[in-house]
Amino acid sequence: MNKIEIFVIFVMMIGTLQMASAQESDSERILKVSDDEKIILFAGFSVAIIAIFLFLARDIILRKKTTYDKQEHDSKKDRTYEKYHSDWGDDYEEIGKRGNTKQEKEFREELANENLPDYYEILGVKRDATAEQIKKSFRELAKKTHPDKTKEDSEQEMININKAYEILSDEKSKEKYDRYFKSS
């Protein structure tokens, strides 16, 4: 045990002995507090509460505003400012909540309805295809099926191709898609 722990234990023992000896005498059990003492106690508690408040709010009080903070951003108005400007990492997730991004919700709903499309099949690539292969396949399919090029009603097919490329070209989206697609 270090010296501080020994000192704290010693002070607690002396306080306990004092309380025990104070309770032995029956006389003067009534606590008398004068008005001056009440004022001193109230002032002491007030100072302690203010000190605790300042301690807890120190980061907000001492934070220096940058020119970026002074600008008006749309994200500040719709309360998504903290989402894009926070110190938390991307892997932060609240306890008890699964990934609730719009994309993951869409994947879960499509999986529940058993109509999660096979984006690899749509683009005509293998599951282990590289980003370059996915991009190349997308461009070839876009050239073939674009409504302006074919003069046909191929808008829905083009939407499917764009969606497949959007998901598979982004590493995080591709990882989420693979996770949900494997569970089907």
C-alpha atoms as a PDB file:
ATOM      1  CA  MET A   1       0.000   0.000   0.000  1.00  0.00           C
ATOM      2  CA  ASN A   2       1.296   3.420  -0.760  1.00  0.00           C
ATOM      3  CA  LYS A   3       1.407   6.357   1.647  1.00  0.00           C
ATOM      4  CA  ILE A   4      -1.782   7.990   0.361  1.00  0.00           C
ATOM      5  CA  GLU A   5      -3.875   4.871   0.957  1.00  0.00           C
ATOM      6  CA  ILE A   6      -2.478   4.511   4.486  1.00  0.00           C
ATOM      7  CA  PHE A   7      -3.242   8.167   5.206  1.00  0.00           C
ATOM      8  CA  VAL A   8      -6.838   7.857   3.948  1.00  0.00           C
ATOM      9  CA  ILE A   9      -7.416   4.761   6.080  1.00  0.00           C
ATOM     10  CA  PHE A  10      -5.928   6.535   9.118  1.00  0.00           C
ATOM     11  CA  VAL A  11      -8.213   9.563   8.647  1.00  0.00           C
ATOM     12  CA  MET A  12     -11.256   7.306   8.299  1.00  0.00           C
ATOM     13  CA  MET A  13     -10.378   5.462  11.518  1.00  0.00           C
ATOM     14  CA  ILE A  14      -9.974   8.698  13.480  1.00  0.00           C
ATOM     15  CA  GLY A  15     -13.296   9.985  12.086  1.00  0.00           C
ATOM     16  CA  THR A  16     -15.024   6.772  13.144  1.00  0.00           C
ATOM     17  CA  LEU A  17     -13.581   7.010  16.668  1.00  0.00           C
ATOM     18  CA  GLN A  18     -14.692  10.630  16.982  1.00  0.00           C
ATOM     19  CA  MET A  19     -18.232   9.765  15.913  1.00  0.00           C
ATOM     20  CA  ALA A  20     -18.365   6.898  18.393  1.00  0.00           C
ATOM     21  CA  SER A  21     -17.130   9.050  21.282  1.00  0.00           C
ATOM     22  CA  ALA A  22     -19.488  11.887  20.370  1.00  0.00           C
ATOM     23  CA  GLN A  23     -22.481   9.590  20.639  1.00  0.00           C
ATOM     24  CA  GLU A  24     -21.611   8.463  24.178  1.00  0.00           C
ATOM     25  CA  SER A  25     -22.602  11.700  25.907  1.00  0.00           C
ATOM     26  CA  ASP A  26     -26.315  12.403  26.182  1.00  0.00           C
ATOM     27  CA  SER A  27     -25.895  16.103  26.805  1.00  0.00           C
ATOM     28  CA  GLU A  28     -25.767  18.584  23.950  1.00  0.00           C
ATOM     29  CA  ARG A  29     -27.265  16.302  21.308  1.00  0.00           C
ATOM     30  CA  ILE A  30     -29.045  19.227  19.690  1.00  0.00           C
ATOM     31  CA  LEU A  31     -27.144  20.765  16.776  1.00  0.00           C
ATOM     32  CA  LYS A  32     -27.204  24.526  16.923  1.00  0.00           C
ATOM     33  CA  VAL A  33     -26.263  26.410  13.765  1.00  0.00           C
ATOM     34  CA  SER A  34     -26.146  30.187  13.785  1.00  0.00           C
ATOM     35  CA  ASP A  35     -27.250  32.370  10.860  1.00  0.00           C
ATOM     36  CA  ASP A  36     -23.619  33.201   9.998  1.00  0.00           C
ATOM     37  CA  GLU A  37     -22.769  29.505   9.812  1.00  0.00           C
ATOM     38  CA  LYS A  38     -25.789  28.878   7.566  1.00  0.00           C
ATOM     39  CA  ILE A  39     -24.579  31.589   5.179  1.00  0.00           C
ATOM     40  CA  ILE A  40     -21.087  30.109   5.129  1.00  0.00           C
ATOM     41  CA  LEU A  41     -22.464  26.605   4.454  1.00  0.00           C
ATOM     42  CA  PHE A  42     -24.738  27.873   1.665  1.00  0.00           C
ATOM     43  CA  ALA A  43     -21.877  29.818   0.060  1.00  0.00           C
ATOM     44  CA  GLY A  44     -19.614  26.764   0.279  1.00  0.00           C
ATOM     45  CA  PHE A  45     -22.177  24.496  -1.382  1.00  0.00           C
ATOM     46  CA  SER A  46     -22.846  27.120  -4.067  1.00  0.00           C
ATOM     47  CA  VAL A  47     -19.146  27.374  -4.870  1.00  0.00           C
ATOM     48  CA  ALA A  48     -18.861  23.579  -4.987  1.00  0.00           C
ATOM     49  CA  ILE A  49     -21.811  23.261  -7.401  1.00  0.00           C
ATOM     50  CA  ILE A  50     -20.458  26.003  -9.663  1.00  0.00           C
ATOM     51  CA  ALA A  51     -17.021  24.365  -9.633  1.00  0.00           C
ATOM     52  CA  ILE A  52     -18.530  20.990 -10.604  1.00  0.00           C
ATOM     53  CA  PHE A  53     -20.532  22.597 -13.421  1.00  0.00           C
ATOM     54  CA  LEU A  54     -17.446  24.400 -14.761  1.00  0.00           C
ATOM     55  CA  PHE A  55     -15.419  21.208 -14.558  1.00  0.00           C
ATOM     56  CA  LEU A  56     -18.013  19.268 -16.556  1.00  0.00           C
ATOM     57  CA  ALA A  57     -18.433  22.049 -19.126  1.00  0.00           C
ATOM     58  CA  ARG A  58     -14.723  22.825 -19.512  1.00  0.00           C
ATOM     59  CA  ASP A  59     -14.465  21.347 -23.024  1.00  0.00           C
ATOM     60  CA  ILE A  60     -17.342  23.466 -24.284  1.00  0.00           C
ATOM     61  CA  ILE A  61     -16.158  26.627 -22.538  1.00  0.00           C
ATOM     62  CA  LEU A  62     -12.497  26.356 -23.546  1.00  0.00           C
ATOM     63  CA  ARG A  63     -13.069  25.138 -27.104  1.00  0.00           C
ATOM     64  CA  LYS A  64     -11.800  27.615 -29.644  1.00  0.00           C
ATOM     65  CA  LYS A  65     -14.154  28.410 -32.499  1.00  0.00           C
ATOM     66  CA  THR A  66     -12.665  28.102 -35.961  1.00  0.00           C
ATOM     67  CA  THR A  67     -13.817  29.903 -39.072  1.00  0.00           C
ATOM     68  CA  TYR A  68     -15.385  26.622 -40.162  1.00  0.00           C
ATOM     69  CA  ASP A  69     -17.525  26.543 -37.009  1.00  0.00           C
ATOM     70  CA  LYS A  70     -18.749  30.086 -37.616  1.00  0.00           C
ATOM     71  CA  GLN A  71     -20.040  29.278 -41.108  1.00  0.00           C
ATOM     72  CA  GLU A  72     -23.632  28.259 -41.714  1.00  0.00           C
ATOM     73  CA  HIS A  73     -23.956  24.667 -42.955  1.00  0.00           C
ATOM     74  CA  ASP A  74     -27.102  22.831 -43.957  1.00  0.00           C
ATOM     75  CA  SER A  75     -25.956  19.862 -41.930  1.00  0.00           C
ATOM     76  CA  LYS A  76     -26.056  22.002 -38.764  1.00  0.00           C
ATOM     77  CA  LYS A  77     -29.697  22.838 -39.402  1.00  0.00           C
ATOM     78  CA  ASP A  78     -30.912  19.266 -39.859  1.00  0.00           C
ATOM     79  CA  ARG A  79     -28.898  17.916 -36.925  1.00  0.00           C
ATOM     80  CA  THR A  80     -26.540  15.783 -38.982  1.00  0.00           C
ATOM     81  CA  TYR A  81     -23.593  18.080 -38.238  1.00  0.00           C
ATOM     82  CA  GLU A  82     -22.285  15.852 -35.442  1.00  0.00           C
ATOM     83  CA  LYS A  83     -22.609  12.806 -37.662  1.00  0.00           C
ATOM     84  CA  TYR A  84     -20.091  14.215 -40.132  1.00  0.00           C
ATOM     85  CA  HIS A  85     -17.948  16.282 -37.766  1.00  0.00           C
ATOM     86  CA  SER A  86     -17.598  14.159 -34.654  1.00  0.00           C
ATOM     87  CA  ASP A  87     -14.546  12.587 -33.052  1.00  0.00           C
ATOM     88  CA  TRP A  88     -16.124   9.142 -33.010  1.00  0.00           C
ATOM     89  CA  GLY A  89     -14.831   6.544 -35.418  1.00  0.00           C
ATOM     90  CA  ASP A  90     -16.835   4.967 -38.185  1.00  0.00           C
ATOM     91  CA  ASP A  91     -16.946   1.718 -36.262  1.00  0.00           C
ATOM     92  CA  TYR A  92     -18.874   3.265 -33.364  1.00  0.00           C
ATOM     93  CA  GLU A  93     -22.218   1.595 -32.867  1.00  0.00           C
ATOM     94  CA  GLU A  94     -24.672   2.069 -30.034  1.00  0.00           C
ATOM     95  CA  ILE A  95     -25.146  -0.886 -27.754  1.00  0.00           C
ATOM     96  CA  GLY A  96     -28.123  -3.002 -28.734  1.00  0.00           C
ATOM     97  CA  LYS A  97     -28.488  -1.446 -32.163  1.00  0.00           C
ATOM     98  CA  ARG A  98     -27.550  -3.209 -35.327  1.00  0.00           C
ATOM     99  CA  GLY A  99     -26.317  -1.298 -38.343  1.00  0.00           C
ATOM    100  CA  ASN A 100     -29.255   0.907 -39.176  1.00  0.00           C
ATOM    101  CA  THR A 101     -28.034   2.716 -42.230  1.00  0.00           C
ATOM    102  CA  LYS A 102     -30.498   3.226 -45.033  1.00  0.00           C
ATOM    103  CA  GLN A 103     -28.559   0.792 -47.199  1.00  0.00           C
ATOM    104  CA  GLU A 104     -28.491  -1.979 -44.586  1.00  0.00           C
ATOM    105  CA  LYS A 105     -32.201  -1.511 -43.912  1.00  0.00           C
ATOM    106  CA  GLU A 106     -32.827  -1.846 -47.649  1.00  0.00           C
ATOM    107  CA  PHE A 107     -30.700  -5.025 -47.803  1.00  0.00           C
ATOM    108  CA  ARG A 108     -32.586  -6.552 -44.838  1.00  0.00           C
ATOM    109  CA  GLU A 109     -35.982  -5.731 -46.354  1.00  0.00           C
ATOM    110  CA  GLU A 110     -35.024  -7.180 -49.743  1.00  0.00           C
ATOM    111  CA  LEU A 111     -33.615 -10.246 -48.016  1.00  0.00           C
ATOM    112  CA  ALA A 112     -36.818 -10.691 -45.999  1.00  0.00           C
ATOM    113  CA  ASN A 113     -38.913 -10.380 -49.170  1.00  0.00           C
ATOM    114  CA  GLU A 114     -36.520 -12.789 -50.894  1.00  0.00           C
ATOM    115  CA  ASN A 115     -35.782 -10.401 -53.732  1.00  0.00           C
ATOM    116  CA  LEU A 116     -32.224  -9.301 -52.944  1.00  0.00           C
ATOM    117  CA  PRO A 117     -30.731  -9.097 -56.436  1.00  0.00           C
ATOM    118  CA  ASP A 118     -27.423 -10.709 -57.312  1.00  0.00           C
ATOM    119  CA  TYR A 119     -25.454  -7.619 -58.315  1.00  0.00           C
ATOM    120  CA  TYR A 120     -22.524  -9.742 -59.462  1.00  0.00           C
ATOM    121  CA  GLU A 121     -24.796 -11.520 -61.923  1.00  0.00           C
ATOM    122  CA  ILE A 122     -26.290  -8.227 -63.123  1.00  0.00           C
ATOM    123  CA  LEU A 123     -22.821  -6.894 -63.939  1.00  0.00           C
ATOM    124  CA  GLY A 124     -21.630 -10.263 -65.202  1.00  0.00           C
ATOM    125  CA  VAL A 125     -18.597 -10.530 -62.927  1.00  0.00           C
ATOM    126  CA  LYS A 126     -17.363 -13.156 -60.481  1.00  0.00           C
ATOM    127  CA  ARG A 127     -17.611 -12.711 -56.704  1.00  0.00           C
ATOM    128  CA  ASP A 128     -13.860 -12.204 -56.394  1.00  0.00           C
ATOM    129  CA  ALA A 129     -13.752  -9.561 -59.160  1.00  0.00           C
ATOM    130  CA  THR A 130     -11.465  -6.593 -58.673  1.00  0.00           C
ATOM    131  CA  ALA A 131     -12.614  -2.977 -58.729  1.00  0.00           C
ATOM    132  CA  GLU A 132     -11.177  -2.586 -62.242  1.00  0.00           C
ATOM    133  CA  GLN A 133     -13.096  -5.608 -63.545  1.00  0.00           C
ATOM    134  CA  ILE A 134     -16.321  -4.306 -62.010  1.00  0.00           C
ATOM    135  CA  LYS A 135     -15.774  -0.871 -63.526  1.00  0.00           C
ATOM    136  CA  LYS A 136     -14.973  -2.306 -66.942  1.00  0.00           C
ATOM    137  CA  SER A 137     -18.030  -4.545 -66.933  1.00  0.00           C
ATOM    138  CA  PHE A 138     -20.261  -1.667 -65.820  1.00  0.00           C
ATOM    139  CA  ARG A 139     -19.046   0.592 -68.628  1.00  0.00           C
ATOM    140  CA  GLU A 140     -19.577  -2.087 -71.256  1.00  0.00           C
ATOM    141  CA  LEU A 141     -23.105  -2.820 -70.017  1.00  0.00           C
ATOM    142  CA  ALA A 142     -23.916   0.886 -69.754  1.00  0.00           C
ATOM    143  CA  LYS A 143     -22.871   1.411 -73.374  1.00  0.00           C
ATOM    144  CA  LYS A 144     -25.012  -1.517 -74.523  1.00  0.00           C
ATOM    145  CA  THR A 145     -28.164  -0.803 -72.507  1.00  0.00           C
ATOM    146  CA  HIS A 146     -28.301   2.978 -72.176  1.00  0.00           C
ATOM    147  CA  PRO A 147     -31.776   4.190 -73.317  1.00  0.00           C
ATOM    148  CA  ASP A 148     -30.291   6.961 -75.486  1.00  0.00           C
ATOM    149  CA  LYS A 149     -28.082   4.446 -77.280  1.00  0.00           C
ATOM    150  CA  THR A 150     -30.570   1.614 -77.771  1.00  0.00           C
ATOM    151  CA  LYS A 151     -33.682   3.741 -78.358  1.00  0.00           C
ATOM    152  CA  GLU A 152     -35.574   1.092 -76.383  1.00  0.00           C
ATOM    153  CA  ASP A 153     -37.350   1.076 -73.054  1.00  0.00           C
ATOM    154  CA  SER A 154     -34.316  -0.092 -71.073  1.00  0.00           C
ATOM    155  CA  GLU A 155     -34.535   2.375 -68.199  1.00  0.00           C
ATOM    156  CA  GLN A 156     -35.245  -0.259 -65.548  1.00  0.00           C
ATOM    157  CA  GLU A 157     -32.330  -2.391 -66.712  1.00  0.00           C
ATOM    158  CA  MET A 158     -30.076   0.680 -66.595  1.00  0.00           C
ATOM    159  CA  ILE A 159     -31.306   1.459 -63.074  1.00  0.00           C
ATOM    160  CA  ASN A 160     -30.400  -2.076 -61.986  1.00  0.00           C
ATOM    161  CA  ILE A 161     -26.941  -1.802 -63.566  1.00  0.00           C
ATOM    162  CA  ASN A 162     -26.316   1.573 -61.880  1.00  0.00           C
ATOM    163  CA  LYS A 163     -27.457   0.225 -58.520  1.00  0.00           C
ATOM    164  CA  ALA A 164     -25.225  -2.836 -58.877  1.00  0.00           C
ATOM    165  CA  TYR A 165     -22.230  -0.681 -59.757  1.00  0.00           C
ATOM    166  CA  GLU A 166     -22.979   1.747 -56.929  1.00  0.00           C
ATOM    167  CA  ILE A 167     -22.962  -1.095 -54.397  1.00  0.00           C
ATOM    168  CA  LEU A 168     -20.037  -3.099 -55.757  1.00  0.00           C
ATOM    169  CA  SER A 169     -17.723  -0.158 -56.501  1.00  0.00           C
ATOM    170  CA  ASP A 170     -17.727   1.041 -52.884  1.00  0.00           C
ATOM    171  CA  GLU A 171     -15.731  -1.256 -50.582  1.00  0.00           C
ATOM    172  CA  LYS A 172     -17.912  -0.723 -47.509  1.00  0.00           C
ATOM    173  CA  SER A 173     -21.147  -1.179 -49.447  1.00  0.00           C
ATOM    174  CA  LYS A 174     -19.746  -4.268 -51.154  1.00  0.00           C
ATOM    175  CA  GLU A 175     -18.760  -5.751 -47.791  1.00  0.00           C
ATOM    176  CA  LYS A 176     -22.255  -5.134 -46.357  1.00  0.00           C
ATOM    177  CA  TYR A 177     -23.888  -6.552 -49.484  1.00  0.00           C
ATOM    178  CA  ASP A 178     -21.715  -9.679 -49.377  1.00  0.00           C
ATOM    179  CA  ARG A 179     -22.585 -10.186 -45.717  1.00  0.00           C
ATOM    180  CA  TYR A 180     -26.334  -9.954 -46.389  1.00  0.00           C
ATOM    181  CA  PHE A 181     -26.170 -11.900 -49.645  1.00  0.00           C
ATOM    182  CA  LYS A 182     -24.347 -14.808 -47.989  1.00  0.00           C
ATOM    183  CA  SER A 183     -27.048 -15.044 -45.323  1.00  0.00           C
ATOM    184  CA  SER A 184     -29.742 -15.601 -47.962  1.00  0.00           C
END
